[in-house]
């Protein structure tokens, strides 16, 4: 999969849409998101979701700036072509329009799938070496 494959770009966009929708969620929604994204501290307010959004966004920006054909580690340890590697998280997720977030039912299976892929994808920058 290459970064121009629509699965990757549309999947990332869909995931960011869900993150922004969760700003209006409940504490239960935020707890579920914290677990799903494996945050160090629980998400307990809408501004923490904004911080998470900005965190992931920065990771993708840094990967794009350092999308070299060889491993690098001057920002964070990353593989060769980190964008291509990060896109692998979305390879089995068919693109679709974001479904509405309904706090009364929590995250749907689709939303969990896409948000988990976002986390996996961003971890190519934030936690590549584990």
N, C-alpha and C. Protein backbone atom coordinates (compact mmCIF):
# COMPACT_ATOMS: atom_id res chain seq x y z
N UNK A 1 0.85 -1.18 0.00
CA UNK A 1 0.00 0.00 0.00
C UNK A 1 0.89 1.23 0.00
N UNK A 2 0.52 2.19 -0.78
CA UNK A 2 1.25 3.43 -0.86
C UNK A 2 0.37 4.55 -0.31
N UNK A 3 0.98 5.65 0.12
CA UNK A 3 0.20 6.72 0.74
C UNK A 3 -0.87 7.31 -0.17
N UNK A 4 -0.76 7.12 -1.49
CA UNK A 4 -1.79 7.67 -2.36
C UNK A 4 -3.00 6.74 -2.46
N UNK A 5 -2.92 5.56 -1.85
CA UNK A 5 -4.06 4.66 -1.79
C UNK A 5 -5.13 5.33 -0.93
N UNK A 6 -6.33 5.41 -1.41
CA UNK A 6 -7.36 6.13 -0.68
C UNK A 6 -7.74 5.50 0.66
N UNK A 7 -7.42 4.25 0.87
CA UNK A 7 -7.72 3.63 2.16
C UNK A 7 -7.01 4.36 3.29
N UNK A 8 -5.78 4.73 3.05
CA UNK A 8 -4.99 5.38 4.09
C UNK A 8 -5.50 6.80 4.36
N UNK A 9 -5.52 7.63 3.35
CA UNK A 9 -5.91 9.03 3.56
C UNK A 9 -7.35 9.15 4.04
N UNK A 10 -8.25 8.36 3.47
CA UNK A 10 -9.65 8.43 3.91
C UNK A 10 -9.82 7.83 5.30
N UNK A 11 -9.05 6.81 5.63
CA UNK A 11 -9.13 6.22 6.96
C UNK A 11 -8.66 7.19 8.03
N UNK A 12 -7.57 7.89 7.76
CA UNK A 12 -7.06 8.88 8.71
C UNK A 12 -8.07 10.01 8.88
N UNK A 13 -8.62 10.47 7.78
CA UNK A 13 -9.62 11.54 7.85
C UNK A 13 -10.85 11.08 8.64
N UNK A 14 -11.30 9.87 8.40
CA UNK A 14 -12.45 9.33 9.12
C UNK A 14 -12.15 9.26 10.62
N UNK A 15 -10.96 8.79 10.97
CA UNK A 15 -10.59 8.68 12.38
C UNK A 15 -10.55 10.05 13.05
N UNK A 16 -9.98 11.03 12.38
CA UNK A 16 -9.94 12.38 12.95
C UNK A 16 -11.34 12.96 13.11
N UNK A 17 -12.24 12.61 12.20
CA UNK A 17 -13.64 13.04 12.32
C UNK A 17 -14.25 12.46 13.59
N UNK A 18 -13.98 11.19 13.86
CA UNK A 18 -14.51 10.57 15.08
C UNK A 18 -13.91 11.21 16.34
N UNK A 19 -12.61 11.50 16.29
CA UNK A 19 -12.00 12.15 17.46
C UNK A 19 -12.70 13.47 17.77
N UNK A 20 -12.92 14.28 16.75
CA UNK A 20 -13.55 15.58 16.97
C UNK A 20 -14.99 15.41 17.47
N UNK A 21 -15.69 14.42 16.96
CA UNK A 21 -17.07 14.17 17.42
C UNK A 21 -17.09 13.76 18.88
N UNK A 22 -16.06 13.07 19.32
CA UNK A 22 -16.01 12.61 20.71
C UNK A 22 -15.83 13.75 21.71
N UNK A 23 -15.49 14.93 21.24
CA UNK A 23 -15.39 16.08 22.15
C UNK A 23 -16.73 16.36 22.82
N UNK A 24 -17.82 15.95 22.17
CA UNK A 24 -19.15 16.16 22.75
C UNK A 24 -19.66 14.90 23.46
N UNK A 25 -18.78 13.93 23.64
CA UNK A 25 -19.18 12.68 24.26
C UNK A 25 -19.29 12.78 25.78
N UNK A 26 -19.56 11.65 26.38
CA UNK A 26 -19.70 11.56 27.83
C UNK A 26 -18.41 11.01 28.44
N UNK A 27 -18.36 11.00 29.74
CA UNK A 27 -17.19 10.44 30.43
C UNK A 27 -17.00 8.97 30.05
N UNK A 28 -18.08 8.22 29.88
CA UNK A 28 -17.98 6.82 29.45
C UNK A 28 -17.32 6.71 28.07
N UNK A 29 -17.70 7.61 27.16
CA UNK A 29 -17.10 7.63 25.83
C UNK A 29 -15.61 7.92 25.92
N UNK A 30 -15.26 8.87 26.76
CA UNK A 30 -13.85 9.26 26.90
C UNK A 30 -13.04 8.13 27.54
N UNK A 31 -13.63 7.43 28.47
CA UNK A 31 -12.95 6.29 29.09
C UNK A 31 -12.71 5.21 28.04
N UNK A 32 -13.72 4.96 27.22
CA UNK A 32 -13.57 3.96 26.15
C UNK A 32 -12.47 4.39 25.17
N UNK A 33 -12.44 5.67 24.83
CA UNK A 33 -11.40 6.18 23.94
C UNK A 33 -10.02 6.05 24.57
N UNK A 34 -9.90 6.37 25.85
CA UNK A 34 -8.62 6.25 26.56
C UNK A 34 -8.10 4.82 26.49
N UNK A 35 -8.98 3.88 26.70
CA UNK A 35 -8.60 2.47 26.65
C UNK A 35 -8.18 2.08 25.23
N UNK A 36 -8.98 2.48 24.27
CA UNK A 36 -8.73 2.15 22.87
C UNK A 36 -7.39 2.72 22.38
N UNK A 37 -7.10 3.95 22.78
CA UNK A 37 -5.90 4.62 22.32
C UNK A 37 -4.71 4.41 23.25
N UNK A 38 -4.95 3.69 24.35
CA UNK A 38 -3.90 3.37 25.29
C UNK A 38 -3.18 4.63 25.80
N UNK A 39 -3.97 5.61 26.23
CA UNK A 39 -3.39 6.85 26.71
C UNK A 39 -2.75 6.64 28.08
N UNK A 40 -1.75 7.42 28.38
CA UNK A 40 -1.06 7.32 29.67
C UNK A 40 -1.96 7.76 30.81
N UNK A 41 -2.73 8.81 30.56
CA UNK A 41 -3.67 9.32 31.56
C UNK A 41 -5.07 9.26 30.96
N UNK A 42 -6.09 9.04 31.78
CA UNK A 42 -7.45 8.98 31.26
C UNK A 42 -7.89 10.30 30.63
N UNK A 43 -8.64 10.20 29.58
CA UNK A 43 -9.25 11.38 28.98
C UNK A 43 -10.46 11.73 29.83
N UNK A 44 -10.49 12.94 30.36
CA UNK A 44 -11.58 13.33 31.24
C UNK A 44 -12.20 14.67 30.88
N UNK A 45 -11.83 15.20 29.71
CA UNK A 45 -12.39 16.48 29.28
C UNK A 45 -12.20 16.62 27.77
N UNK A 46 -13.04 17.45 27.16
CA UNK A 46 -13.00 17.64 25.71
C UNK A 46 -11.65 18.20 25.25
N UNK A 47 -11.03 19.05 26.06
CA UNK A 47 -9.75 19.62 25.64
C UNK A 47 -8.66 18.55 25.55
N UNK A 48 -8.79 17.47 26.29
CA UNK A 48 -7.82 16.37 26.19
C UNK A 48 -7.95 15.66 24.84
N UNK A 49 -9.16 15.64 24.29
CA UNK A 49 -9.34 15.04 22.96
C UNK A 49 -8.70 15.95 21.92
N UNK A 50 -8.83 17.24 22.09
CA UNK A 50 -8.16 18.18 21.19
C UNK A 50 -6.65 17.97 21.25
N UNK A 51 -6.12 17.77 22.45
CA UNK A 51 -4.69 17.50 22.60
C UNK A 51 -4.29 16.21 21.90
N UNK A 52 -5.12 15.18 22.02
CA UNK A 52 -4.85 13.90 21.35
C UNK A 52 -4.87 14.09 19.83
N UNK A 53 -5.83 14.84 19.34
CA UNK A 53 -5.92 15.15 17.91
C UNK A 53 -4.62 15.83 17.44
N UNK A 54 -4.19 16.83 18.17
CA UNK A 54 -2.98 17.57 17.80
C UNK A 54 -1.74 16.68 17.89
N UNK A 55 -1.71 15.80 18.87
CA UNK A 55 -0.60 14.86 19.04
C UNK A 55 -0.48 13.96 17.81
N UNK A 56 -1.58 13.33 17.43
CA UNK A 56 -1.56 12.45 16.26
C UNK A 56 -1.25 13.23 14.99
N UNK A 57 -1.84 14.39 14.85
CA UNK A 57 -1.59 15.22 13.68
C UNK A 57 -0.11 15.55 13.54
N UNK A 58 0.53 15.90 14.65
CA UNK A 58 1.96 16.20 14.63
C UNK A 58 2.77 14.97 14.21
N UNK A 59 2.38 13.80 14.68
CA UNK A 59 3.08 12.58 14.29
C UNK A 59 3.06 12.35 12.79
N UNK A 60 1.89 12.57 12.19
CA UNK A 60 1.79 12.40 10.73
C UNK A 60 2.58 13.48 10.00
N UNK A 61 2.59 14.68 10.53
CA UNK A 61 3.36 15.75 9.90
C UNK A 61 4.86 15.44 9.94
N UNK A 62 5.34 14.95 11.09
CA UNK A 62 6.75 14.61 11.20
C UNK A 62 7.11 13.44 10.30
N UNK A 63 6.22 12.45 10.20
CA UNK A 63 6.50 11.34 9.28
C UNK A 63 6.59 11.84 7.85
N UNK A 64 5.70 12.75 7.48
CA UNK A 64 5.71 13.28 6.11
C UNK A 64 7.01 14.05 5.83
N UNK A 65 7.49 14.78 6.83
CA UNK A 65 8.73 15.55 6.65
C UNK A 65 9.96 14.66 6.56
N UNK A 66 9.88 13.46 7.11
CA UNK A 66 11.04 12.57 7.15
C UNK A 66 10.75 11.26 6.43
N UNK A 67 10.02 11.34 5.35
CA UNK A 67 9.65 10.14 4.58
C UNK A 67 10.80 9.74 3.67
N UNK A 68 11.88 9.28 4.29
CA UNK A 68 13.10 8.93 3.58
C UNK A 68 13.11 7.44 3.22
N UNK A 69 13.90 7.08 2.21
CA UNK A 69 13.99 5.66 1.82
C UNK A 69 14.94 4.85 2.71
N UNK A 70 15.26 5.36 3.87
CA UNK A 70 16.14 4.67 4.80
C UNK A 70 15.67 4.97 6.23
N UNK A 71 16.04 4.11 7.15
CA UNK A 71 15.68 4.34 8.56
C UNK A 71 16.32 5.63 9.04
N UNK A 72 15.64 6.30 9.96
CA UNK A 72 16.21 7.51 10.56
C UNK A 72 15.82 7.54 12.02
N UNK A 73 16.51 8.38 12.78
CA UNK A 73 16.22 8.45 14.20
C UNK A 73 16.51 9.83 14.78
N UNK A 74 16.63 10.85 13.94
CA UNK A 74 16.96 12.15 14.50
C UNK A 74 15.78 12.85 15.16
N UNK A 75 14.56 12.50 14.81
CA UNK A 75 13.38 12.97 15.55
C UNK A 75 12.93 11.86 16.49
N UNK A 76 12.54 10.76 15.90
CA UNK A 76 12.17 9.52 16.61
C UNK A 76 12.66 8.37 15.71
N UNK A 77 12.94 7.22 16.28
CA UNK A 77 13.30 6.08 15.42
C UNK A 77 12.14 5.75 14.48
N UNK A 78 12.45 5.70 13.19
CA UNK A 78 11.43 5.41 12.18
C UNK A 78 12.00 4.50 11.11
N UNK A 79 11.14 3.71 10.49
CA UNK A 79 11.59 2.84 9.40
C UNK A 79 11.80 3.64 8.11
N UNK A 80 12.36 3.00 7.13
CA UNK A 80 12.39 3.59 5.80
C UNK A 80 10.95 3.79 5.33
N UNK A 81 10.70 4.85 4.62
CA UNK A 81 9.37 5.17 4.09
C UNK A 81 8.30 5.05 5.18
N UNK A 82 8.38 5.82 6.24
CA UNK A 82 7.43 5.69 7.35
C UNK A 82 5.96 5.89 6.96
N UNK A 83 5.71 6.71 5.96
CA UNK A 83 4.32 6.90 5.52
C UNK A 83 3.76 5.60 4.98
N UNK A 84 4.53 4.92 4.14
CA UNK A 84 4.06 3.63 3.61
C UNK A 84 3.82 2.63 4.73
N UNK A 85 4.73 2.60 5.70
CA UNK A 85 4.59 1.66 6.82
C UNK A 85 3.35 2.01 7.63
N UNK A 86 3.14 3.30 7.90
CA UNK A 86 1.99 3.71 8.72
C UNK A 86 0.66 3.41 8.01
N UNK A 87 0.66 3.47 6.70
CA UNK A 87 -0.56 3.21 5.94
C UNK A 87 -0.99 1.74 6.01
N UNK A 88 -0.09 0.86 6.38
CA UNK A 88 -0.44 -0.55 6.49
C UNK A 88 -1.56 -0.79 7.51
N UNK A 89 -1.70 0.11 8.48
CA UNK A 89 -2.75 -0.04 9.49
C UNK A 89 -4.16 0.04 8.88
N UNK A 90 -4.27 0.68 7.73
CA UNK A 90 -5.57 0.87 7.09
C UNK A 90 -5.78 -0.04 5.88
N UNK A 91 -4.85 -0.95 5.62
CA UNK A 91 -4.90 -1.73 4.37
C UNK A 91 -6.14 -2.60 4.23
N UNK A 92 -6.73 -3.03 5.34
CA UNK A 92 -7.91 -3.90 5.28
C UNK A 92 -9.20 -3.19 5.65
N UNK A 93 -9.15 -1.87 5.70
CA UNK A 93 -10.33 -1.08 6.07
C UNK A 93 -10.83 -0.34 4.84
N UNK A 94 -11.96 -0.79 4.31
CA UNK A 94 -12.53 -0.14 3.13
C UNK A 94 -12.98 1.27 3.48
N UNK A 95 -12.68 2.24 2.62
CA UNK A 95 -13.11 3.61 2.90
C UNK A 95 -14.63 3.73 2.93
N UNK A 96 -15.09 4.57 3.80
CA UNK A 96 -16.52 4.92 3.82
C UNK A 96 -16.65 6.28 4.51
N UNK A 97 -17.77 6.90 4.30
CA UNK A 97 -18.03 8.18 4.96
C UNK A 97 -18.15 7.93 6.46
N UNK A 98 -17.65 8.87 7.26
CA UNK A 98 -17.78 8.68 8.72
C UNK A 98 -19.24 8.53 9.13
N UNK A 99 -19.49 7.58 10.00
CA UNK A 99 -20.84 7.39 10.51
C UNK A 99 -21.05 8.35 11.68
N UNK A 100 -22.27 8.74 11.92
CA UNK A 100 -22.51 9.68 13.02
C UNK A 100 -22.14 9.08 14.37
N UNK A 101 -21.59 9.93 15.22
CA UNK A 101 -21.28 9.50 16.58
C UNK A 101 -22.52 9.74 17.43
N UNK A 102 -22.96 8.70 18.11
CA UNK A 102 -24.13 8.82 19.00
C UNK A 102 -23.69 8.40 20.39
N UNK A 103 -23.54 9.37 21.24
CA UNK A 103 -23.01 9.14 22.57
C UNK A 103 -23.85 8.14 23.36
N UNK A 104 -25.13 8.09 23.10
CA UNK A 104 -25.99 7.21 23.89
C UNK A 104 -25.71 5.73 23.65
N UNK A 105 -25.00 5.40 22.57
CA UNK A 105 -24.68 4.00 22.30
C UNK A 105 -23.18 3.72 22.34
N UNK A 106 -22.37 4.71 22.58
CA UNK A 106 -20.93 4.52 22.62
C UNK A 106 -20.34 4.36 21.23
N UNK A 107 -19.09 3.96 21.18
CA UNK A 107 -18.41 3.79 19.91
C UNK A 107 -18.91 2.54 19.19
N UNK A 108 -19.14 2.68 17.89
CA UNK A 108 -19.54 1.53 17.08
C UNK A 108 -18.30 0.68 16.79
N UNK A 109 -18.53 -0.52 16.28
CA UNK A 109 -17.41 -1.39 15.90
C UNK A 109 -16.56 -0.71 14.83
N UNK A 110 -17.19 -0.05 13.89
CA UNK A 110 -16.46 0.67 12.82
C UNK A 110 -15.59 1.77 13.42
N UNK A 111 -16.15 2.54 14.32
CA UNK A 111 -15.40 3.63 14.93
C UNK A 111 -14.20 3.08 15.71
N UNK A 112 -14.40 2.01 16.43
CA UNK A 112 -13.29 1.38 17.17
C UNK A 112 -12.22 0.89 16.20
N UNK A 113 -12.62 0.28 15.11
CA UNK A 113 -11.69 -0.23 14.11
C UNK A 113 -10.83 0.89 13.53
N UNK A 114 -11.47 1.97 13.14
CA UNK A 114 -10.76 3.07 12.49
C UNK A 114 -9.88 3.82 13.49
N UNK A 115 -10.37 4.02 14.70
CA UNK A 115 -9.56 4.70 15.72
C UNK A 115 -8.35 3.84 16.13
N UNK A 116 -8.53 2.54 16.20
CA UNK A 116 -7.41 1.65 16.50
C UNK A 116 -6.37 1.71 15.39
N UNK A 117 -6.83 1.75 14.15
CA UNK A 117 -5.91 1.87 13.01
C UNK A 117 -5.15 3.20 13.07
N UNK A 118 -5.83 4.26 13.47
CA UNK A 118 -5.16 5.56 13.61
C UNK A 118 -4.03 5.46 14.63
N UNK A 119 -4.33 4.85 15.77
CA UNK A 119 -3.33 4.69 16.81
C UNK A 119 -2.14 3.86 16.32
N UNK A 120 -2.43 2.76 15.66
CA UNK A 120 -1.38 1.90 15.12
C UNK A 120 -0.54 2.65 14.09
N UNK A 121 -1.22 3.38 13.23
CA UNK A 121 -0.54 4.14 12.19
C UNK A 121 0.37 5.21 12.77
N UNK A 122 -0.13 5.98 13.71
CA UNK A 122 0.67 7.05 14.33
C UNK A 122 1.83 6.49 15.14
N UNK A 123 1.69 5.30 15.66
CA UNK A 123 2.76 4.71 16.45
C UNK A 123 3.99 4.35 15.63
N UNK A 124 3.89 4.40 14.32
CA UNK A 124 5.09 4.26 13.49
C UNK A 124 6.04 5.41 13.82
N UNK A 125 5.50 6.56 14.12
CA UNK A 125 6.33 7.69 14.55
C UNK A 125 6.61 7.65 16.05
N UNK A 126 5.57 7.48 16.85
CA UNK A 126 5.71 7.64 18.29
C UNK A 126 6.31 6.45 19.02
N UNK A 127 6.21 5.26 18.44
CA UNK A 127 6.64 4.09 19.19
C UNK A 127 7.12 2.97 18.26
N UNK A 128 7.83 3.32 17.21
CA UNK A 128 8.23 2.32 16.21
C UNK A 128 9.08 1.20 16.81
N UNK A 129 9.99 1.55 17.68
CA UNK A 129 10.88 0.55 18.27
C UNK A 129 10.30 -0.08 19.53
N UNK A 130 9.10 0.34 19.92
CA UNK A 130 8.45 -0.24 21.09
C UNK A 130 9.01 0.32 22.37
